[in-house]
Amino acid sequence: MLRSKIEKKYRKGENNRLYQGDILRNLSFIVGNPEKTEGKDCIDLPFAVLLSQDCDLEADFKCREQTIGNQDKYLLSLLVCPAFNIGEFANGTHFANWQMEPQSSKLIEKIQKNDTHKRFHFLSKNTEFFVPDLVLDFKHFFTLPRDYLYSQEKDVYVASLSELFREELSQRFSNYLSRIGLPELND
C-alpha cells in the first residue's frame, strides 16, 4: 500500500493566499437587504471554514498577481460555512440571537463519527492551532466578498485542513447540496 505523505489533519497555509479548508476565527459581517436600512444583522462567527473550490481560489490569486490579461478567473465572492463549538451546538446556543434546538447525545455521537447525517460535518480539536471540536452545519453557509476576506485574512486565519481532509469536507458539502427532495406520495 502506498503511504500517504499527509501526516496531520491541520497545517499552516503557504504564502498569502486563501485555500479551501482554511479555518477562520472571529469572522464578522452584515447580512440583510442592501436596499433597506433596517433589518440588517451582524453575524459573528467564532469559527468558519472556507469552502470555495481550491482550483478557483488558486486561479483567482494567480490572475490577480499578474496584472496583465483578462479577468475571467477573478472571484467576486467566496463560500464559507460556520463551524460551531460542539458543546454550544449540542446545547442549541451556537447561533447567537437565533433560537436553536438542543441536539440529542445520540445525534452528537453520529456527527462526531461523520456517520450517516449528511447535513453535518465534524472537525476534531487541535491543540497546536487552538481549534476546539467543531460542527459544520451545511444548511447554513454564506458568500462573502473576496476582497473582504483577504483584508481580514491576517486577523482571522487559524489553520488549514490538509488536502484529503478538505476534499472529504468538499465532497460531503456538495453531496448535501445536491440531494434531491422527493415528494411523499400516498400509494
C-alpha atoms as a PDB file:
ATOM      1  CA  MET A   1       0.000   0.000   0.000  1.00  0.00           C
ATOM      2  CA  LEU A   2       1.267   3.483  -0.898  1.00  0.00           C
ATOM      3  CA  ARG A   3       1.899   5.512   2.247  1.00  0.00           C
ATOM      4  CA  SER A   4       0.288   8.943   2.353  1.00  0.00           C
ATOM      5  CA  LYS A   5       2.515  11.984   2.726  1.00  0.00           C
ATOM      6  CA  ILE A   6      -0.181  13.662   4.810  1.00  0.00           C
ATOM      7  CA  GLU A   7       0.796  13.340   8.455  1.00  0.00           C
ATOM      8  CA  LYS A   8      -1.627  15.754  10.124  1.00  0.00           C
ATOM      9  CA  LYS A   9      -5.229  16.825   9.685  1.00  0.00           C
ATOM     10  CA  TYR A  10      -4.340  20.509  10.164  1.00  0.00           C
ATOM     11  CA  ARG A  11      -1.457  22.527   8.773  1.00  0.00           C
ATOM     12  CA  LYS A  12      -0.308  26.119   8.372  1.00  0.00           C
ATOM     13  CA  GLY A  13      -1.108  27.579   4.947  1.00  0.00           C
ATOM     14  CA  GLU A  14       1.575  28.617   2.500  1.00  0.00           C
ATOM     15  CA  ASN A  15       2.122  32.091   1.032  1.00  0.00           C
ATOM     16  CA  ASN A  16      -0.566  34.735   1.361  1.00  0.00           C
ATOM     17  CA  ARG A  17      -3.491  33.177  -0.437  1.00  0.00           C
ATOM     18  CA  LEU A  18      -6.662  31.616   0.879  1.00  0.00           C
ATOM     19  CA  TYR A  19      -7.183  27.863   0.475  1.00  0.00           C
ATOM     20  CA  GLN A  20     -10.231  25.637   0.500  1.00  0.00           C
ATOM     21  CA  GLY A  21     -10.415  24.235   4.015  1.00  0.00           C
ATOM     22  CA  ASP A  22      -8.965  27.313   5.718  1.00  0.00           C
ATOM     23  CA  ILE A  23     -10.286  27.630   9.255  1.00  0.00           C
ATOM     24  CA  LEU A  24     -11.116  31.202  10.205  1.00  0.00           C
ATOM     25  CA  ARG A  25     -11.783  32.635  13.677  1.00  0.00           C
ATOM     26  CA  ASN A  26     -13.889  35.624  14.789  1.00  0.00           C
ATOM     27  CA  LEU A  27     -15.322  36.444  11.383  1.00  0.00           C
ATOM     28  CA  SER A  28     -17.983  39.184  11.423  1.00  0.00           C
ATOM     29  CA  PHE A  29     -20.151  40.501   8.613  1.00  0.00           C
ATOM     30  CA  ILE A  30     -23.511  42.145   7.918  1.00  0.00           C
ATOM     31  CA  VAL A  31     -26.431  40.345   6.283  1.00  0.00           C
ATOM     32  CA  GLY A  32     -29.722  41.789   5.132  1.00  0.00           C
ATOM     33  CA  ASN A  33     -31.387  43.593   2.277  1.00  0.00           C
ATOM     34  CA  PRO A  34     -28.945  46.253   0.988  1.00  0.00           C
ATOM     35  CA  GLU A  35     -31.865  48.453  -0.113  1.00  0.00           C
ATOM     36  CA  LYS A  36     -33.209  48.772   3.436  1.00  0.00           C
ATOM     37  CA  THR A  37     -31.578  50.451   6.393  1.00  0.00           C
ATOM     38  CA  GLU A  38     -33.479  48.377   8.962  1.00  0.00           C
ATOM     39  CA  GLY A  39     -33.459  44.633   9.360  1.00  0.00           C
ATOM     40  CA  LYS A  40     -29.741  44.086   8.976  1.00  0.00           C
ATOM     41  CA  ASP A  41     -27.973  41.681  11.285  1.00  0.00           C
ATOM     42  CA  CYS A  42     -24.339  41.427  12.239  1.00  0.00           C
ATOM     43  CA  ILE A  43     -23.258  37.800  12.094  1.00  0.00           C
ATOM     44  CA  ASP A  44     -20.347  36.965  14.389  1.00  0.00           C
ATOM     45  CA  LEU A  45     -18.867  33.544  13.726  1.00  0.00           C
ATOM     46  CA  PRO A  46     -16.409  32.241  16.310  1.00  0.00           C
ATOM     47  CA  PHE A  47     -15.195  29.823  13.590  1.00  0.00           C
ATOM     48  CA  ALA A  48     -15.856  29.302   9.877  1.00  0.00           C
ATOM     49  CA  VAL A  49     -14.359  27.165   7.120  1.00  0.00           C
ATOM     50  CA  LEU A  50     -13.701  28.328   3.561  1.00  0.00           C
ATOM     51  CA  LEU A  51     -15.491  26.008   1.105  1.00  0.00           C
ATOM     52  CA  SER A  52     -14.794  27.640  -2.275  1.00  0.00           C
ATOM     53  CA  GLN A  53     -13.011  25.257  -4.643  1.00  0.00           C
ATOM     54  CA  ASP A  54      -9.243  25.447  -4.283  1.00  0.00           C
ATOM     55  CA  CYS A  55      -8.607  25.439  -8.038  1.00  0.00           C
ATOM     56  CA  ASP A  56     -10.784  28.566  -8.312  1.00  0.00           C
ATOM     57  CA  LEU A  57      -9.035  30.208  -5.354  1.00  0.00           C
ATOM     58  CA  GLU A  58      -5.631  29.475  -6.888  1.00  0.00           C
ATOM     59  CA  ALA A  59      -6.636  30.751 -10.352  1.00  0.00           C
ATOM     60  CA  ASP A  60      -8.080  33.930  -8.816  1.00  0.00           C
ATOM     61  CA  PHE A  61      -4.915  34.537  -6.792  1.00  0.00           C
ATOM     62  CA  LYS A  62      -2.547  33.958  -9.733  1.00  0.00           C
ATOM     63  CA  CYS A  63      -4.640  36.069 -12.110  1.00  0.00           C
ATOM     64  CA  ARG A  64      -4.635  38.979  -9.657  1.00  0.00           C
ATOM     65  CA  GLU A  65      -0.869  38.690  -9.133  1.00  0.00           C
ATOM     66  CA  GLN A  66      -0.339  39.002 -12.892  1.00  0.00           C
ATOM     67  CA  THR A  67      -1.725  42.395 -13.738  1.00  0.00           C
ATOM     68  CA  ILE A  68      -1.907  41.517 -17.428  1.00  0.00           C
ATOM     69  CA  GLY A  69      -4.547  39.514 -19.236  1.00  0.00           C
ATOM     70  CA  ASN A  70      -8.264  39.305 -18.785  1.00  0.00           C
ATOM     71  CA  GLN A  71     -10.058  38.906 -15.516  1.00  0.00           C
ATOM     72  CA  ASP A  72     -12.222  35.874 -16.282  1.00  0.00           C
ATOM     73  CA  LYS A  73     -10.654  33.933 -13.382  1.00  0.00           C
ATOM     74  CA  TYR A  74     -11.490  36.583 -10.775  1.00  0.00           C
ATOM     75  CA  LEU A  75     -13.771  35.534  -7.935  1.00  0.00           C
ATOM     76  CA  LEU A  76     -16.116  38.156  -6.548  1.00  0.00           C
ATOM     77  CA  SER A  77     -17.316  36.202  -3.535  1.00  0.00           C
ATOM     78  CA  LEU A  78     -16.161  33.212  -1.513  1.00  0.00           C
ATOM     79  CA  LEU A  79     -18.195  30.481   0.159  1.00  0.00           C
ATOM     80  CA  VAL A  80     -17.836  29.984   3.919  1.00  0.00           C
ATOM     81  CA  CYS A  81     -19.630  27.702   6.344  1.00  0.00           C
ATOM     82  CA  PRO A  82     -19.954  28.443  10.068  1.00  0.00           C
ATOM     83  CA  ALA A  83     -18.164  25.972  12.335  1.00  0.00           C
ATOM     84  CA  PHE A  84     -19.739  25.719  15.768  1.00  0.00           C
ATOM     85  CA  ASN A  85     -18.224  24.617  19.058  1.00  0.00           C
ATOM     86  CA  ILE A  86     -19.724  21.167  19.622  1.00  0.00           C
ATOM     87  CA  GLY A  87     -20.781  21.946  23.210  1.00  0.00           C
ATOM     88  CA  GLU A  88     -22.684  25.072  22.155  1.00  0.00           C
ATOM     89  CA  PHE A  89     -24.132  23.179  19.204  1.00  0.00           C
ATOM     90  CA  ALA A  90     -25.360  20.377  21.488  1.00  0.00           C
ATOM     91  CA  ASN A  91     -26.995  22.946  23.805  1.00  0.00           C
ATOM     92  CA  GLY A  92     -28.600  24.876  20.936  1.00  0.00           C
ATOM     93  CA  THR A  93     -26.701  28.071  21.841  1.00  0.00           C
ATOM     94  CA  HIS A  94     -24.371  28.039  18.840  1.00  0.00           C
ATOM     95  CA  PHE A  95     -26.005  30.774  16.756  1.00  0.00           C
ATOM     96  CA  ALA A  96     -26.241  33.951  18.834  1.00  0.00           C
ATOM     97  CA  ASN A  97     -29.636  35.685  18.602  1.00  0.00           C
ATOM     98  CA  TRP A  98     -31.226  32.678  16.876  1.00  0.00           C
ATOM     99  CA  GLN A  99     -33.417  30.229  18.719  1.00  0.00           C
ATOM    100  CA  MET A 100     -31.965  26.785  18.026  1.00  0.00           C
ATOM    101  CA  GLU A 101     -32.974  23.381  19.351  1.00  0.00           C
ATOM    102  CA  PRO A 102     -30.662  21.415  21.654  1.00  0.00           C
ATOM    103  CA  GLN A 103     -29.360  18.251  19.996  1.00  0.00           C
ATOM    104  CA  SER A 104     -29.589  14.738  21.389  1.00  0.00           C
ATOM    105  CA  SER A 105     -26.446  12.974  22.571  1.00  0.00           C
ATOM    106  CA  LYS A 106     -27.174  10.248  20.002  1.00  0.00           C
ATOM    107  CA  LEU A 107     -27.065  12.793  17.150  1.00  0.00           C
ATOM    108  CA  ILE A 108     -23.873  14.335  18.555  1.00  0.00           C
ATOM    109  CA  GLU A 109     -22.237  10.878  18.585  1.00  0.00           C
ATOM    110  CA  LYS A 110     -23.234  10.319  14.948  1.00  0.00           C
ATOM    111  CA  ILE A 111     -21.885  13.727  13.975  1.00  0.00           C
ATOM    112  CA  GLN A 112     -18.578  13.059  15.754  1.00  0.00           C
ATOM    113  CA  LYS A 113     -18.158   9.884  13.715  1.00  0.00           C
ATOM    114  CA  ASN A 114     -19.042  11.779  10.499  1.00  0.00           C
ATOM    115  CA  ASP A 115     -21.527   8.978  10.215  1.00  0.00           C
ATOM    116  CA  THR A 116     -24.867   8.935   8.460  1.00  0.00           C
ATOM    117  CA  HIS A 117     -26.029  12.530   8.966  1.00  0.00           C
ATOM    118  CA  LYS A 118     -25.253  14.288   5.668  1.00  0.00           C
ATOM    119  CA  ARG A 119     -26.148  17.756   6.960  1.00  0.00           C
ATOM    120  CA  PHE A 120     -23.275  17.963   9.441  1.00  0.00           C
ATOM    121  CA  HIS A 121     -19.507  17.547   9.384  1.00  0.00           C
ATOM    122  CA  PHE A 122     -17.259  17.168  12.428  1.00  0.00           C
ATOM    123  CA  LEU A 123     -13.759  18.609  12.787  1.00  0.00           C
ATOM    124  CA  SER A 124     -11.830  17.255  15.762  1.00  0.00           C
ATOM    125  CA  LYS A 125      -9.959  19.606  18.070  1.00  0.00           C
ATOM    126  CA  ASN A 126      -6.338  20.507  17.536  1.00  0.00           C
ATOM    127  CA  THR A 127      -4.280  21.883  20.406  1.00  0.00           C
ATOM    128  CA  GLU A 128      -1.430  23.108  18.187  1.00  0.00           C
ATOM    129  CA  PHE A 129      -3.746  25.581  16.427  1.00  0.00           C
ATOM    130  CA  PHE A 130      -6.214  26.053  19.322  1.00  0.00           C
ATOM    131  CA  VAL A 131      -9.123  24.619  17.357  1.00  0.00           C
ATOM    132  CA  PRO A 132     -11.901  23.131  19.528  1.00  0.00           C
ATOM    133  CA  ASP A 133     -14.178  20.276  18.429  1.00  0.00           C
ATOM    134  CA  LEU A 134     -16.297  21.891  15.707  1.00  0.00           C
ATOM    135  CA  VAL A 135     -19.503  21.052  13.846  1.00  0.00           C
ATOM    136  CA  LEU A 136     -20.293  22.431  10.403  1.00  0.00           C
ATOM    137  CA  ASP A 137     -23.985  22.640   9.579  1.00  0.00           C
ATOM    138  CA  PHE A 138     -24.275  22.633   5.796  1.00  0.00           C
ATOM    139  CA  LYS A 139     -27.734  24.193   5.975  1.00  0.00           C
ATOM    140  CA  HIS A 140     -26.079  27.474   6.966  1.00  0.00           C
ATOM    141  CA  PHE A 141     -23.491  28.949   4.621  1.00  0.00           C
ATOM    142  CA  PHE A 142     -22.623  32.399   3.357  1.00  0.00           C
ATOM    143  CA  THR A 143     -20.907  34.051   0.426  1.00  0.00           C
ATOM    144  CA  LEU A 144     -18.662  36.928   1.387  1.00  0.00           C
ATOM    145  CA  PRO A 145     -16.854  39.399  -0.847  1.00  0.00           C
ATOM    146  CA  ARG A 146     -13.452  38.051  -1.821  1.00  0.00           C
ATOM    147  CA  ASP A 147     -11.701  41.337  -1.068  1.00  0.00           C
ATOM    148  CA  TYR A 148     -13.264  41.460   2.406  1.00  0.00           C
ATOM    149  CA  LEU A 149     -11.925  38.003   3.307  1.00  0.00           C
ATOM    150  CA  TYR A 150      -8.456  38.864   2.025  1.00  0.00           C
ATOM    151  CA  SER A 151      -8.489  42.109   4.030  1.00  0.00           C
ATOM    152  CA  GLN A 152      -9.311  40.099   7.173  1.00  0.00           C
ATOM    153  CA  GLU A 153      -7.000  37.133   6.485  1.00  0.00           C
ATOM    154  CA  LYS A 154      -4.161  38.088   8.841  1.00  0.00           C
ATOM    155  CA  ASP A 155      -6.609  38.609  11.720  1.00  0.00           C
ATOM    156  CA  VAL A 156      -8.923  35.629  11.187  1.00  0.00           C
ATOM    157  CA  TYR A 157      -6.769  32.830   9.744  1.00  0.00           C
ATOM    158  CA  VAL A 158      -6.145  29.910  12.136  1.00  0.00           C
ATOM    159  CA  ALA A 159      -5.072  26.851  10.138  1.00  0.00           C
ATOM    160  CA  SER A 160      -5.849  24.847   7.004  1.00  0.00           C
ATOM    161  CA  LEU A 161      -7.198  21.348   6.564  1.00  0.00           C
ATOM    162  CA  SER A 162      -4.726  19.029   4.849  1.00  0.00           C
ATOM    163  CA  GLU A 163      -5.637  18.099   1.286  1.00  0.00           C
ATOM    164  CA  LEU A 164      -7.502  14.814   1.825  1.00  0.00           C
ATOM    165  CA  PHE A 165      -9.488  16.238   4.724  1.00  0.00           C
ATOM    166  CA  ARG A 166     -10.516  19.314   2.739  1.00  0.00           C
ATOM    167  CA  GLU A 167     -11.530  17.032  -0.181  1.00  0.00           C
ATOM    168  CA  GLU A 168     -13.657  14.968   2.200  1.00  0.00           C
ATOM    169  CA  LEU A 169     -15.300  18.143   3.503  1.00  0.00           C
ATOM    170  CA  SER A 170     -15.900  19.438  -0.028  1.00  0.00           C
ATOM    171  CA  GLN A 171     -17.450  16.160  -1.126  1.00  0.00           C
ATOM    172  CA  ARG A 172     -19.744  15.987   1.898  1.00  0.00           C
ATOM    173  CA  PHE A 173     -20.863  19.589   1.361  1.00  0.00           C
ATOM    174  CA  SER A 174     -21.581  19.024  -2.338  1.00  0.00           C
ATOM    175  CA  ASN A 175     -23.438  15.793  -1.560  1.00  0.00           C
ATOM    176  CA  TYR A 176     -25.634  17.637   0.925  1.00  0.00           C
ATOM    177  CA  LEU A 177     -26.395  20.449  -1.527  1.00  0.00           C
ATOM    178  CA  SER A 178     -27.113  18.098  -4.425  1.00  0.00           C
ATOM    179  CA  ARG A 179     -29.596  15.886  -2.603  1.00  0.00           C
ATOM    180  CA  ILE A 180     -32.969  15.528  -4.261  1.00  0.00           C
ATOM    181  CA  GLY A 181     -36.089  16.241  -2.256  1.00  0.00           C
ATOM    182  CA  LEU A 182     -38.729  13.750  -3.302  1.00  0.00           C
ATOM    183  CA  PRO A 183     -42.405  14.274  -2.519  1.00  0.00           C
ATOM    184  CA  GLU A 184     -44.149  11.990  -0.089  1.00  0.00           C
ATOM    185  CA  LEU A 185     -46.625  10.024  -2.185  1.00  0.00           C
ATOM    186  CA  ASN A 186     -49.713   8.284  -0.962  1.00  0.00           C
ATOM    187  CA  ASP A 187     -49.705   4.910  -2.702  1.00  0.00           C
END
